[in-house]
C-alpha atoms as a PDB file:
ATOM      1  CA  PRO A   1     -70.429-274.350  81.069  1.00  0.00           C
ATOM      2  CA  SER A   2     -74.155-274.747  80.843  1.00  0.00           C
ATOM      3  CA  PRO A   3     -76.409-273.789  83.752  1.00  0.00           C
ATOM      4  CA  ARG A   4     -77.603-277.389  83.860  1.00  0.00           C
ATOM      5  CA  SER A   5     -74.158-278.750  84.796  1.00  0.00           C
ATOM      6  CA  CYS A   6     -74.692-277.885  88.489  1.00  0.00           C
ATOM      7  CA  GLN A   7     -75.771-280.962  90.319  1.00  0.00           C
ATOM      8  CA  PRO A   8     -77.921-280.081  93.318  1.00  0.00           C
ATOM      9  CA  ASN A   9     -76.747-282.023  96.334  1.00  0.00           C
ATOM     10  CA  GLY A  10     -79.877-281.582  98.358  1.00  0.00           C
ATOM     11  CA  ALA A  11     -79.192-277.947  99.229  1.00  0.00           C
ATOM     12  CA  ASN A  12     -81.444-275.754  97.111  1.00  0.00           C
ATOM     13  CA  GLU A  13     -79.576-272.568  97.961  1.00  0.00           C
ATOM     14  CA  GLU A  14     -76.257-274.154  97.030  1.00  0.00           C
ATOM     15  CA  ALA A  15     -77.652-275.271  93.672  1.00  0.00           C
ATOM     16  CA  LEU A  16     -78.981-271.780  92.982  1.00  0.00           C
ATOM     17  CA  LEU A  17     -75.642-270.191  93.878  1.00  0.00           C
ATOM     18  CA  CYS A  18     -73.891-272.626  91.560  1.00  0.00           C
ATOM     19  CA  GLU A  19     -76.324-271.822  88.766  1.00  0.00           C
ATOM     20  CA  ILE A  20     -75.861-268.073  89.320  1.00  0.00           C
ATOM     21  CA  LYS A  21     -72.082-268.507  89.153  1.00  0.00           C
ATOM     22  CA  GLU A  22     -72.348-270.433  85.879  1.00  0.00           C
ATOM     23  CA  LEU A  23     -74.728-267.871  84.374  1.00  0.00           C
ATOM     24  CA  LYS A  24     -72.303-265.075  85.295  1.00  0.00           C
ATOM     25  CA  GLN A  25     -69.492-267.021  83.594  1.00  0.00           C
ATOM     26  CA  LYS A  26     -71.634-267.496  80.501  1.00  0.00           C
ATOM     27  CA  ASP A  27     -72.523-263.783  80.515  1.00  0.00           C
ATOM     28  CA  LEU A  28     -68.837-262.870  80.707  1.00  0.00           C
ATOM     29  CA  ALA A  29     -67.984-265.272  77.862  1.00  0.00           C
ATOM     30  CA  LEU A  30     -70.748-263.789  75.697  1.00  0.00           C
ATOM     31  CA  ASP A  31     -69.546-260.249  76.459  1.00  0.00           C
ATOM     32  CA  GLN A  32     -66.034-261.277  75.404  1.00  0.00           C
ATOM     33  CA  GLU A  33     -67.374-262.817  72.196  1.00  0.00           C
ATOM     34  CA  ILE A  34     -69.332-259.636  71.404  1.00  0.00           C
ATOM     35  CA  THR A  35     -66.225-257.532  72.061  1.00  0.00           C
ATOM     36  CA  GLN A  36     -64.221-259.750  69.711  1.00  0.00           C
ATOM     37  CA  LEU A  37     -66.862-259.513  66.963  1.00  0.00           C
ATOM     38  CA  LEU A  38     -67.022-255.737  67.348  1.00  0.00           C
ATOM     39  CA  SER A  39     -63.217-255.556  67.077  1.00  0.00           C
ATOM     40  CA  GLU A  40     -63.466-257.567  63.844  1.00  0.00           C
ATOM     41  CA  GLY A  41     -65.659-254.856  62.364  1.00  0.00           C
ATOM     42  CA  TYR A  42     -69.153-256.173  62.991  1.00  0.00           C
ATOM     43  CA  SER A  43     -71.759-253.679  64.169  1.00  0.00           C
ATOM     44  CA  LEU A  44     -74.289-254.259  66.941  1.00  0.00           C
ATOM     45  CA  GLU A  45     -77.100-253.742  64.430  1.00  0.00           C
ATOM     46  CA  GLU A  46     -75.627-256.393  62.152  1.00  0.00           C
ATOM     47  CA  LEU A  47     -75.237-258.838  65.036  1.00  0.00           C
ATOM     48  CA  GLU A  48     -78.800-258.184  66.226  1.00  0.00           C
ATOM     49  CA  LYS A  49     -80.123-258.718  62.691  1.00  0.00           C
ATOM     50  CA  HIS A  50     -78.199-261.976  62.416  1.00  0.00           C
ATOM     51  CA  ILE A  51     -79.565-263.190  65.757  1.00  0.00           C
ATOM     52  CA  SER A  52     -83.076-262.224  64.690  1.00  0.00           C
ATOM     53  CA  LEU A  53     -82.693-264.173  61.452  1.00  0.00           C
ATOM     54  CA  LEU A  54     -81.398-267.201  63.359  1.00  0.00           C
ATOM     55  CA  HIS A  55     -84.449-267.093  65.641  1.00  0.00           C
ATOM     56  CA  GLU A  56     -86.736-266.895  62.604  1.00  0.00           C
ATOM     57  CA  TYR A  57     -84.903-269.801  60.953  1.00  0.00           C
ATOM     58  CA  ASN A  58     -85.213-271.902  64.123  1.00  0.00           C
ATOM     59  CA  ASP A  59     -88.940-271.140  64.406  1.00  0.00           C
ATOM     60  CA  ILE A  60     -89.494-272.180  60.781  1.00  0.00           C
ATOM     61  CA  LYS A  61     -87.384-275.308  61.233  1.00  0.00           C
ATOM     62  CA  ASP A  62     -89.340-276.236  64.381  1.00  0.00           C
ATOM     63  CA  ALA A  63     -92.622-275.855  62.487  1.00  0.00           C
ATOM     64  CA  GLY A  64     -91.293-278.041  59.687  1.00  0.00           C
ATOM     65  CA  GLN A  65     -90.175-280.690  62.172  1.00  0.00           C
ATOM     66  CA  MET A  66     -93.597-280.616  63.800  1.00  0.00           C
ATOM     67  CA  LEU A  67     -95.301-281.112  60.432  1.00  0.00           C
ATOM     68  CA  LEU A  68     -92.947-283.953  59.523  1.00  0.00           C
ATOM     69  CA  GLY A  69     -93.706-285.558  62.879  1.00  0.00           C
ATOM     70  CA  LYS A  70     -97.455-285.347  62.349  1.00  0.00           C
ATOM     71  CA  LEU A  71     -97.123-286.714  58.814  1.00  0.00           C
ATOM     72  CA  ALA A  72     -94.981-289.575  60.094  1.00  0.00           C
ATOM     73  CA  VAL A  73     -97.627-290.462  62.684  1.00  0.00           C
ATOM     74  CA  ILE A  74    -100.364-290.418  60.021  1.00  0.00           C
ATOM     75  CA  ARG A  75     -98.308-292.676  57.743  1.00  0.00           C
ATOM     76  CA  GLY A  76     -97.090-294.884  60.583  1.00  0.00           C
ATOM     77  CA  VAL A  77     -93.410-294.299  59.859  1.00  0.00           C
ATOM     78  CA  THR A  78     -90.565-292.445  61.535  1.00  0.00           C
ATOM     79  CA  THR A  79     -89.650-288.899  60.596  1.00  0.00           C
ATOM     80  CA  LYS A  80     -86.248-290.248  59.543  1.00  0.00           C
ATOM     81  CA  GLN A  81     -87.992-292.352  56.900  1.00  0.00           C
ATOM     82  CA  LEU A  82     -89.626-289.218  55.441  1.00  0.00           C
ATOM     83  CA  TYR A  83     -86.355-287.324  54.904  1.00  0.00           C
ATOM     84  CA  PRO A  84     -85.413-288.942  51.564  1.00  0.00           C
ATOM     85  CA  GLU A  85     -88.940-288.368  50.212  1.00  0.00           C
ATOM     86  CA  TYR A  86     -88.508-284.615  50.697  1.00  0.00           C
ATOM     87  CA  ASP A  87     -84.796-284.503  49.761  1.00  0.00           C
ATOM     88  CA  LEU A  88     -83.791-283.654  53.331  1.00  0.00           C
ATOM     89  CA  GLU A  89     -80.477-284.555  54.927  1.00  0.00           C
ATOM     90  CA  LEU A  90     -80.494-286.034  58.416  1.00  0.00           C
ATOM     91  CA  SER A  91     -78.352-283.063  59.470  1.00  0.00           C
ATOM     92  CA  ASP A  92     -81.145-280.642  58.364  1.00  0.00           C
END
């Protein structure tokens, strides 16, 4: 469950307690996933490197999306219309 699934019902403290509970559940799920990956032979260093590379990829992708957005504004089109011009898939 995501921390955003708590719906505050007017009681701030209740909403915070709900969010804390969900974050603890997410933490436990992540710990279990790490334990499973370690049991499958992955090392912490390898997992950290992979996470680092994913962050770098996401940063580069975000920059590319920003540039496509600015180019689309300049040309007066949508970013979706630019994808074929640059051989991009909509899932990219």
